[in-house]
Amino acid sequence: MYGNLAQAMIYALVNDSIKESSISFHKKLKEVHEWVLWHYYYGSYYDTKFWRHAKNISKSFEYSNIFLKRIDYVKKSCDWEKFNDTQHFPTHLQGEFSYTDYAIWLFNNENFEKEKIIYQ
């Protein structure tokens, strides 16, 4: 985020467009916020007060439509048996994090959920 803020400030100074730069920075900040929060969605092996709270917050959060569309796109398009990191989001879904970032996170956490069910 420091790099994004620096880019936004440079853009604002060079192009004399503080408002446009601010909008772009806040868009990126929201995407990072959703990305970090999403990491708590499935919880943890550790059943602690922190993890229960974090999981509850992440499950009740109103994620943006674009974020949900990225997740849906990965779930529908990723071949988990032959996964490779050459796939990309279409232009209208691109953001701060790559297709591979989403795919690996989903793959790891879907397996985590399956393992929890098996071990319970």
Protein backbone atom coordinates (compact mmCIF):
# COMPACT_ATOMS: atom_id res chain seq x y z
CA MET A 1 0.00 0.00 0.00
CA TYR A 2 2.94 2.34 0.55
CA GLY A 3 3.91 1.86 -3.07
CA ASN A 4 0.34 2.50 -4.21
CA LEU A 5 0.15 5.65 -2.08
CA ALA A 6 3.45 6.90 -3.50
CA GLN A 7 2.21 6.22 -7.05
CA ALA A 8 -1.04 8.04 -6.33
CA MET A 9 0.83 11.06 -4.97
CA ILE A 10 3.22 11.18 -7.94
CA TYR A 11 0.30 10.85 -10.36
CA ALA A 12 -1.56 13.66 -8.56
CA LEU A 13 1.48 15.96 -8.68
CA VAL A 14 2.35 15.25 -12.32
CA ASN A 15 -1.20 15.37 -13.63
CA ASP A 16 -2.57 17.92 -11.16
CA SER A 17 -5.45 15.57 -10.40
CA ILE A 18 -5.73 14.95 -6.68
CA LYS A 19 -9.37 13.82 -6.88
CA GLU A 20 -8.71 11.18 -9.58
CA SER A 21 -5.61 9.97 -7.75
CA SER A 22 -7.54 9.72 -4.48
CA ILE A 23 -10.30 7.68 -6.10
CA SER A 24 -7.74 5.28 -7.60
CA PHE A 25 -5.93 4.90 -4.27
CA HIS A 26 -9.16 4.22 -2.34
CA LYS A 27 -10.16 1.62 -4.93
CA LYS A 28 -6.86 -0.20 -4.41
CA LEU A 29 -7.14 0.15 -0.64
CA LYS A 30 -10.62 -1.42 -0.68
CA GLU A 31 -9.35 -4.32 -2.79
CA VAL A 32 -6.49 -4.98 -0.37
CA HIS A 33 -8.93 -4.71 2.56
CA GLU A 34 -11.19 -7.33 0.97
CA TRP A 35 -8.22 -9.55 0.12
CA VAL A 36 -6.88 -9.52 3.68
CA LEU A 37 -10.32 -9.99 5.24
CA TRP A 38 -11.05 -12.87 2.89
CA HIS A 39 -8.06 -14.73 4.34
CA TYR A 40 -10.00 -15.14 7.58
CA TYR A 41 -13.09 -16.54 5.84
CA TYR A 42 -12.40 -20.21 6.54
CA GLY A 43 -10.94 -19.63 9.98
CA SER A 44 -8.07 -21.68 11.29
CA TYR A 45 -7.22 -25.02 12.82
CA TYR A 46 -6.92 -23.03 16.05
CA ASP A 47 -10.27 -22.59 17.73
CA THR A 48 -9.56 -19.34 19.56
CA LYS A 49 -11.61 -16.27 20.33
CA PHE A 50 -9.60 -14.28 17.77
CA TRP A 51 -10.17 -16.76 14.94
CA ARG A 52 -13.89 -17.10 15.68
CA HIS A 53 -14.25 -13.31 15.70
CA ALA A 54 -12.19 -12.83 12.51
CA LYS A 55 -14.15 -15.55 10.72
CA ASN A 56 -17.48 -14.01 11.75
CA ILE A 57 -16.41 -10.57 10.52
CA SER A 58 -15.19 -11.94 7.19
CA LYS A 59 -18.37 -13.95 6.62
CA SER A 60 -20.67 -10.99 7.36
CA PHE A 61 -18.66 -8.43 5.35
CA GLU A 62 -20.25 -7.05 2.18
CA TYR A 63 -17.62 -7.77 -0.46
CA SER A 64 -17.72 -5.72 -3.66
CA ASN A 65 -19.33 -7.18 -6.77
CA ILE A 66 -16.03 -7.20 -8.64
CA PHE A 67 -14.37 -9.17 -5.84
CA LEU A 68 -17.17 -11.76 -5.83
CA LYS A 69 -17.03 -11.97 -9.64
CA ARG A 70 -13.29 -12.72 -9.48
CA ILE A 71 -13.88 -15.57 -7.03
CA ASP A 72 -16.73 -16.93 -9.12
CA TYR A 73 -14.63 -16.69 -12.30
CA VAL A 74 -11.76 -18.64 -10.73
CA LYS A 75 -14.08 -21.32 -9.35
CA LYS A 76 -15.66 -21.82 -12.78
CA SER A 77 -12.53 -21.59 -14.91
CA CYS A 78 -9.80 -23.26 -12.91
CA ASP A 79 -9.05 -26.88 -13.61
CA TRP A 80 -7.79 -28.01 -10.22
CA GLU A 81 -6.44 -31.32 -11.58
CA LYS A 82 -4.18 -29.57 -14.11
CA PHE A 83 -3.63 -26.19 -12.47
CA ASN A 84 -0.96 -24.00 -13.94
CA ASP A 85 -0.18 -20.39 -13.29
CA THR A 86 -0.56 -19.17 -16.86
CA GLN A 87 -4.22 -18.19 -16.61
CA HIS A 88 -5.24 -14.56 -16.21
CA PHE A 89 -8.37 -12.61 -15.44
CA PRO A 90 -10.14 -11.03 -18.40
CA THR A 91 -9.47 -7.29 -18.58
CA HIS A 92 -12.70 -6.31 -16.81
CA LEU A 93 -11.80 -8.45 -13.75
CA GLN A 94 -8.14 -7.49 -13.35
CA GLY A 95 -7.02 -5.86 -10.12
CA GLU A 96 -4.24 -5.73 -7.55
CA PHE A 97 -4.00 -9.52 -7.24
CA SER A 98 -3.58 -12.03 -10.03
CA TYR A 99 -5.71 -14.96 -11.11
CA THR A 100 -3.05 -17.24 -9.65
CA ASP A 101 -3.27 -15.50 -6.26
CA TYR A 102 -7.00 -16.16 -6.12
CA ALA A 103 -6.71 -19.70 -7.48
CA ILE A 104 -4.03 -20.82 -5.02
CA TRP A 105 -5.90 -19.27 -2.10
CA LEU A 106 -9.16 -20.99 -3.11
CA PHE A 107 -7.44 -24.30 -3.73
CA ASN A 108 -5.68 -24.27 -0.36
CA ASN A 109 -8.77 -23.23 1.58
CA GLU A 110 -11.17 -25.59 -0.15
CA ASN A 111 -8.77 -28.39 0.77
CA PHE A 112 -8.58 -27.01 4.32
CA GLU A 113 -12.39 -27.20 4.59
CA LYS A 114 -12.42 -30.78 3.26
CA GLU A 115 -9.70 -31.83 5.72
CA LYS A 116 -11.62 -30.29 8.63
CA ILE A 117 -14.70 -32.29 7.63
CA ILE A 118 -12.68 -35.50 7.31
CA TYR A 119 -10.94 -35.04 10.68
CA GLN A 120 -14.05 -34.09 12.68
